[in-house]
C-alpha atoms as a PDB file:
ATOM      1  CA  MET A   1       0.031  -0.064   0.001  1.00  0.00           C
ATOM      2  CA  ARG A   2       1.436   3.416  -0.949  1.00  0.00           C
ATOM      3  CA  SER A   3       1.479   6.422   1.450  1.00  0.00           C
ATOM      4  CA  MET A   4      -0.493   9.488   0.339  1.00  0.00           C
ATOM      5  CA  GLN A   5       1.293  11.998  -1.673  1.00  0.00           C
ATOM      6  CA  PRO A   6       1.978  15.442  -0.149  1.00  0.00           C
ATOM      7  CA  LYS A   7      -0.517  17.088  -2.490  1.00  0.00           C
ATOM      8  CA  ALA A   8      -3.244  14.590  -1.699  1.00  0.00           C
ATOM      9  CA  LEU A   9      -2.638  14.954   1.928  1.00  0.00           C
ATOM     10  CA  LEU A  10      -2.865  18.748   1.736  1.00  0.00           C
ATOM     11  CA  ALA A  11      -6.028  18.497  -0.209  1.00  0.00           C
ATOM     12  CA  ALA A  12      -7.606  16.098   2.376  1.00  0.00           C
ATOM     13  CA  ALA A  13      -6.571  18.502   5.188  1.00  0.00           C
ATOM     14  CA  LEU A  14      -8.174  21.402   3.408  1.00  0.00           C
ATOM     15  CA  LEU A  15     -11.351  19.465   2.818  1.00  0.00           C
ATOM     16  CA  VAL A  16     -11.655  18.489   6.442  1.00  0.00           C
ATOM     17  CA  SER A  17     -11.057  22.090   7.604  1.00  0.00           C
ATOM     18  CA  THR A  18     -13.766  23.373   5.404  1.00  0.00           C
ATOM     19  CA  LEU A  19     -16.179  20.757   6.774  1.00  0.00           C
ATOM     20  CA  VAL A  20     -15.661  21.614  10.361  1.00  0.00           C
ATOM     21  CA  PRO A  21     -18.216  24.215  11.493  1.00  0.00           C
ATOM     22  CA  LEU A  22     -16.595  27.195  13.312  1.00  0.00           C
ATOM     23  CA  ALA A  23     -19.842  28.668  14.657  1.00  0.00           C
ATOM     24  CA  PRO A  24     -20.075  26.575  17.803  1.00  0.00           C
ATOM     25  CA  PHE A  25     -16.533  27.601  19.011  1.00  0.00           C
ATOM     26  CA  PRO A  26     -16.353  30.981  20.817  1.00  0.00           C
ATOM     27  CA  LEU A  27     -13.812  33.535  19.378  1.00  0.00           C
ATOM     28  CA  TYR A  28     -10.475  33.855  21.277  1.00  0.00           C
ATOM     29  CA  GLY A  29     -10.806  36.372  23.970  1.00  0.00           C
ATOM     30  CA  ASN A  30     -14.549  35.767  24.612  1.00  0.00           C
ATOM     31  CA  ALA A  31     -16.198  33.171  26.644  1.00  0.00           C
ATOM     32  CA  HIS A  32     -19.850  32.553  27.325  1.00  0.00           C
ATOM     33  CA  ALA A  33     -20.763  31.700  30.902  1.00  0.00           C
ATOM     34  CA  GLN A  34     -24.464  30.734  31.254  1.00  0.00           C
ATOM     35  CA  GLY A  35     -25.101  32.493  28.005  1.00  0.00           C
ATOM     36  CA  ALA A  36     -23.677  35.831  28.970  1.00  0.00           C
ATOM     37  CA  PRO A  37     -20.571  37.081  26.860  1.00  0.00           C
ATOM     38  CA  GLN A  38     -17.541  37.822  28.922  1.00  0.00           C
ATOM     39  CA  ALA A  39     -14.221  39.265  27.998  1.00  0.00           C
ATOM     40  CA  ILE A  40     -11.301  37.256  29.229  1.00  0.00           C
ATOM     41  CA  THR A  41      -7.914  38.941  30.114  1.00  0.00           C
ATOM     42  CA  GLU A  42      -5.243  36.452  29.831  1.00  0.00           C
ATOM     43  CA  LYS A  43      -2.018  36.661  31.648  1.00  0.00           C
ATOM     44  CA  ARG A  44       0.739  34.148  31.677  1.00  0.00           C
ATOM     45  CA  THR A  45       1.685  32.697  35.008  1.00  0.00           C
ATOM     46  CA  ASP A  46       5.074  31.088  35.749  1.00  0.00           C
ATOM     47  CA  VAL A  47       3.550  27.951  37.397  1.00  0.00           C
ATOM     48  CA  VAL A  48       6.938  26.608  38.352  1.00  0.00           C
ATOM     49  CA  GLN A  49       7.723  29.824  40.333  1.00  0.00           C
ATOM     50  CA  LEU A  50       4.175  30.083  41.749  1.00  0.00           C
ATOM     51  CA  ALA A  51       4.358  26.480  43.084  1.00  0.00           C
ATOM     52  CA  SER A  52       7.366  27.451  45.306  1.00  0.00           C
ATOM     53  CA  GLY A  53       5.436  30.250  46.845  1.00  0.00           C
ATOM     54  CA  TYR A  54       3.775  30.534  50.232  1.00  0.00           C
ATOM     55  CA  ARG A  55       0.535  28.666  50.863  1.00  0.00           C
ATOM     56  CA  ALA A  56      -1.840  30.335  53.245  1.00  0.00           C
ATOM     57  CA  SER A  57      -2.704  26.956  54.733  1.00  0.00           C
ATOM     58  CA  LYS A  58       1.026  26.374  55.571  1.00  0.00           C
ATOM     59  CA  LEU A  59       1.541  29.914  57.068  1.00  0.00           C
ATOM     60  CA  THR A  60      -1.378  29.908  59.367  1.00  0.00           C
ATOM     61  CA  GLY A  61      -0.353  29.024  62.834  1.00  0.00           C
ATOM     62  CA  ALA A  62       3.350  29.668  62.115  1.00  0.00           C
ATOM     63  CA  ASP A  63       5.360  31.405  64.754  1.00  0.00           C
ATOM     64  CA  VAL A  64       6.663  34.935  64.016  1.00  0.00           C
ATOM     65  CA  PHE A  65      10.109  35.918  65.071  1.00  0.00           C
ATOM     66  CA  ASN A  66      12.022  39.250  65.230  1.00  0.00           C
ATOM     67  CA  LYS A  67      15.601  39.757  64.282  1.00  0.00           C
ATOM     68  CA  ASN A  68      16.741  38.675  67.835  1.00  0.00           C
ATOM     69  CA  LYS A  69      15.001  35.308  67.340  1.00  0.00           C
ATOM     70  CA  ASP A  70      12.387  36.184  69.919  1.00  0.00           C
ATOM     71  CA  THR A  71       8.863  34.687  69.161  1.00  0.00           C
ATOM     72  CA  ILE A  72       6.610  37.797  68.995  1.00  0.00           C
ATOM     73  CA  GLY A  73       3.417  36.216  67.634  1.00  0.00           C
ATOM     74  CA  THR A  74       1.723  33.767  65.410  1.00  0.00           C
ATOM     75  CA  VAL A  75       0.127  33.963  61.899  1.00  0.00           C
ATOM     76  CA  ASP A  76      -3.572  33.816  62.438  1.00  0.00           C
ATOM     77  CA  ASP A  77      -4.781  34.414  58.850  1.00  0.00           C
ATOM     78  CA  LEU A  78      -3.994  36.022  55.581  1.00  0.00           C
ATOM     79  CA  ILE A  79      -6.451  38.566  54.103  1.00  0.00           C
ATOM     80  CA  VAL A  80      -6.492  40.173  50.584  1.00  0.00           C
ATOM     81  CA  SER A  81      -7.882  43.711  50.865  1.00  0.00           C
ATOM     82  CA  PRO A  82     -11.002  44.369  48.897  1.00  0.00           C
ATOM     83  CA  GLY A  83      -9.532  47.548  47.307  1.00  0.00           C
ATOM     84  CA  GLY A  84      -8.190  47.793  43.710  1.00  0.00           C
ATOM     85  CA  ASP A  85      -4.558  47.184  44.832  1.00  0.00           C
ATOM     86  CA  ARG A  86      -5.495  43.800  46.268  1.00  0.00           C
ATOM     87  CA  SER A  87      -2.827  44.112  49.057  1.00  0.00           C
ATOM     88  CA  THR A  88      -2.288  41.046  51.318  1.00  0.00           C
ATOM     89  CA  TYR A  89      -2.053  41.386  55.063  1.00  0.00           C
ATOM     90  CA  ALA A  90      -0.976  38.910  57.657  1.00  0.00           C
ATOM     91  CA  ILE A  91      -3.202  38.910  60.709  1.00  0.00           C
ATOM     92  CA  LEU A  92      -0.989  38.149  63.680  1.00  0.00           C
ATOM     93  CA  SER A  93      -1.978  36.811  67.037  1.00  0.00           C
ATOM     94  CA  VAL A  94       0.006  38.520  69.760  1.00  0.00           C
ATOM     95  CA  GLY A  95       0.066  37.849  73.533  1.00  0.00           C
ATOM     96  CA  GLY A  96      -2.624  35.793  75.311  1.00  0.00           C
ATOM     97  CA  PHE A  97      -2.301  32.275  76.614  1.00  0.00           C
ATOM     98  CA  LEU A  98      -3.827  29.267  74.875  1.00  0.00           C
ATOM     99  CA  GLY A  99      -5.936  31.676  72.716  1.00  0.00           C
ATOM    100  CA  ILE A 100      -7.324  33.642  75.706  1.00  0.00           C
ATOM    101  CA  GLY A 101      -6.560  37.322  75.719  1.00  0.00           C
ATOM    102  CA  LYS A 102      -4.875  37.331  72.323  1.00  0.00           C
ATOM    103  CA  HIS A 103      -4.488  40.638  70.372  1.00  0.00           C
ATOM    104  CA  LEU A 104      -4.968  40.451  66.672  1.00  0.00           C
ATOM    105  CA  VAL A 105      -3.036  42.995  64.455  1.00  0.00           C
ATOM    106  CA  ALA A 106      -2.739  43.440  60.730  1.00  0.00           C
ATOM    107  CA  VAL A 107       0.678  43.930  59.122  1.00  0.00           C
ATOM    108  CA  PRO A 108       1.545  44.157  55.470  1.00  0.00           C
ATOM    109  CA  PHE A 109       2.451  40.717  54.076  1.00  0.00           C
ATOM    110  CA  ASN A 110       5.430  42.323  52.329  1.00  0.00           C
ATOM    111  CA  ASP A 111       6.846  43.377  55.740  1.00  0.00           C
ATOM    112  CA  LEU A 112       7.338  39.731  56.582  1.00  0.00           C
ATOM    113  CA  GLN A 113      10.421  37.934  55.668  1.00  0.00           C
ATOM    114  CA  ILE A 114      10.227  34.180  55.071  1.00  0.00           C
ATOM    115  CA  THR A 115      13.482  32.155  54.992  1.00  0.00           C
ATOM    116  CA  ASN A 116      14.152  28.631  55.769  1.00  0.00           C
ATOM    117  CA  ARG A 117      10.430  28.197  56.664  1.00  0.00           C
ATOM    118  CA  ARG A 118      10.759  30.829  59.318  1.00  0.00           C
ATOM    119  CA  VAL A 119       8.526  33.879  59.366  1.00  0.00           C
ATOM    120  CA  VAL A 120      10.337  36.943  60.544  1.00  0.00           C
ATOM    121  CA  LEU A 121       9.224  40.530  61.232  1.00  0.00           C
ATOM    122  CA  PRO A 122      12.641  41.942  61.880  1.00  0.00           C
ATOM    123  CA  GLU A 123      12.188  45.170  63.782  1.00  0.00           C
ATOM    124  CA  ALA A 124       9.043  44.232  65.714  1.00  0.00           C
ATOM    125  CA  THR A 125       8.653  43.308  69.391  1.00  0.00           C
ATOM    126  CA  LYS A 126       5.647  41.913  71.204  1.00  0.00           C
ATOM    127  CA  LYS A 127       5.285  45.353  72.772  1.00  0.00           C
ATOM    128  CA  SER A 128       5.342  47.206  69.508  1.00  0.00           C
ATOM    129  CA  LEU A 129       2.773  44.756  67.987  1.00  0.00           C
ATOM    130  CA  GLU A 130       0.507  44.956  71.014  1.00  0.00           C
ATOM    131  CA  ALA A 131       0.565  48.789  70.548  1.00  0.00           C
ATOM    132  CA  LEU A 132      -0.969  48.468  67.031  1.00  0.00           C
ATOM    133  CA  PRO A 133      -4.743  48.942  66.647  1.00  0.00           C
ATOM    134  CA  GLU A 134      -6.617  45.756  67.265  1.00  0.00           C
ATOM    135  CA  PHE A 135      -7.775  43.975  64.185  1.00  0.00           C
ATOM    136  CA  LYS A 136     -11.373  42.662  64.187  1.00  0.00           C
ATOM    137  CA  TYR A 137     -13.009  40.423  61.547  1.00  0.00           C
ATOM    138  CA  ALA A 138     -16.075  41.856  59.908  1.00  0.00           C
ATOM    139  CA  ASP A 139     -19.332  40.147  60.730  1.00  0.00           C
END
């Protein structure tokens, strides 16, 4: 049996491509969710770099240290602000004993340094964190 000649193969590909209806496929950049057209903004993400990032589930409960290696608090939560800048804040639990009397404060996530699985807020002390306004979750 002979293989198809390049011209015949090209002709077959052209025939198949004309038979495939294009109408059911959405145009690139548009998607239809429940019948409503939506514009999609595509942005490439470096998934390898992202995978080595910090997972909120792993940071929650982590001790926070200062530059003197003193434990000054614990990561209670991470919150992304609702504003346009979408800043991330670490909610730290400071003071208290076994969860009683703890003081929650919000610090910009970018102020934290994470090296060797250790969360550090270099210039902070328990006293300086306790002096910050108390953070309260919205109802």
